[in-house]
Structures are given as structure tokens and as C-alpha cells.
Amino acid sequence: MKQACPKLVSYKKGGIMPWPKGEYPASYKNQPKYLREKATEIANGVLAESNDEGIAIATGLKKAREYFKDHPEEKRKAKK
């Protein structure tokens, strides 16, 4: 049986619990804090829809980078 990531816990209905506030996927560890937080927020939304951890992690990081590219003022605020 395939084991879930230690940061994720299965719900009773078989779903996967998102990363709680302040925690993030291990693959985000080298990202700046502002990017990591936004990517985790997005990944949690994707995870709720797709139930696929790999897709959620990749999509979260990609969309967070796009977000800050399109909203540079948010990047400045987040760094403070």
C-alpha cells in the first residue's frame, strides 16, 4: 500500500488533508517565505479538487510564481 506524505493525513472519507498554516511540502523548502506561503495556499486548493499531491505541489509553485510576476507590489508587501 502506498504511504502518504507525513505532512498529509487521510480524512475518514479517503481524502487528503491539506498542509496546515506554517507547514509546506518539502520541495518548497528552498523557496522564499512569501512564495512558499502563496504556493502552499494554492496547492491546498488544488489538492481539495484533484486529490493528487504531486499535481497540487507543482501547480501551487507554478501559479504562485505567476501571481507574483503579475503582482509585483504584493511581492514587496510580503517581503516586509
Protein backbone atom coordinates (compact mmCIF):
# COMPACT_ATOMS: atom_id res chain seq x y z
CA MET A 1 0.00 0.00 0.00
CA LYS A 2 1.32 3.46 -0.94
CA GLN A 3 2.02 5.63 2.08
CA ALA A 4 1.00 9.30 2.14
CA CYS A 5 3.44 12.11 2.76
CA PRO A 6 4.00 12.57 6.52
CA LYS A 7 2.63 16.12 6.29
CA LEU A 8 -0.67 14.80 4.93
CA VAL A 9 -3.25 12.79 6.80
CA SER A 10 -6.13 10.92 5.21
CA TYR A 11 -9.64 12.03 6.05
CA LYS A 12 -12.20 9.41 7.04
CA LYS A 13 -13.76 9.69 3.58
CA GLY A 14 -10.43 8.90 1.93
CA GLY A 15 -9.47 12.46 1.04
CA ILE A 16 -6.14 14.06 1.84
CA MET A 17 -5.76 16.80 4.42
CA PRO A 18 -4.11 19.99 3.18
CA TRP A 19 -0.92 21.42 4.64
CA PRO A 20 -1.79 23.42 7.77
CA LYS A 21 -0.72 27.05 8.23
CA GLY A 22 3.04 27.26 8.63
CA GLU A 23 3.75 23.84 7.09
CA TYR A 24 4.55 23.18 3.46
CA PRO A 25 5.71 20.44 1.09
CA ALA A 26 9.39 19.53 1.47
CA SER A 27 10.05 20.53 -2.14
CA TYR A 28 9.24 24.15 -1.22
CA LYS A 29 11.98 24.39 1.44
CA ASN A 30 14.40 26.43 -0.71
CA GLN A 31 11.79 28.93 -1.86
CA PRO A 32 11.46 32.40 -0.29
CA LYS A 33 8.91 32.50 2.53
CA TYR A 34 6.43 34.72 0.64
CA LEU A 35 6.46 32.36 -2.36
CA ARG A 36 6.28 29.24 -0.20
CA GLU A 37 3.22 30.55 1.66
CA LYS A 38 1.35 31.50 -1.53
CA ALA A 39 2.30 28.23 -3.24
CA THR A 40 1.05 26.23 -0.24
CA GLU A 41 -2.23 28.15 -0.24
CA ILE A 42 -2.73 27.38 -3.93
CA ALA A 43 -1.60 23.76 -3.54
CA ASN A 44 -4.18 23.22 -0.80
CA GLY A 45 -6.92 24.38 -3.16
CA VAL A 46 -5.70 22.13 -5.95
CA LEU A 47 -5.38 19.21 -3.52
CA ALA A 48 -9.00 19.63 -2.46
CA GLU A 49 -10.11 19.38 -6.10
CA SER A 50 -7.75 16.76 -7.53
CA ASN A 51 -6.67 14.64 -4.53
CA ASP A 52 -3.28 14.32 -6.26
CA GLU A 53 -0.41 15.55 -4.12
CA GLY A 54 2.13 15.75 -6.98
CA ILE A 55 -0.13 17.85 -9.18
CA ALA A 56 -1.03 20.10 -6.23
CA ILE A 57 2.63 20.76 -5.35
CA ALA A 58 3.70 21.51 -8.92
CA THR A 59 0.65 23.65 -9.69
CA GLY A 60 0.97 25.58 -6.43
CA LEU A 61 4.53 26.63 -7.14
CA LYS A 62 3.88 27.47 -10.79
CA LYS A 63 0.79 29.55 -10.03
CA ALA A 64 2.47 31.34 -7.10
CA ARG A 65 5.36 32.38 -9.35
CA GLU A 66 2.87 33.64 -11.95
CA TYR A 67 0.94 35.51 -9.25
CA PHE A 68 3.98 37.41 -8.02
CA LYS A 69 5.14 38.09 -11.57
CA ASP A 70 1.74 39.67 -12.29
CA HIS A 71 1.52 41.40 -8.88
CA PRO A 72 5.00 42.73 -8.02
CA GLU A 73 3.52 45.06 -5.38
CA GLU A 74 2.30 42.00 -3.46
CA LYS A 75 5.81 40.58 -3.53
CA ARG A 76 7.17 43.77 -1.94
CA LYS A 77 4.46 43.70 0.76
CA ALA A 78 5.07 40.03 1.51
CA LYS A 79 8.80 40.55 1.97
CA LYS A 80 8.27 43.11 4.76
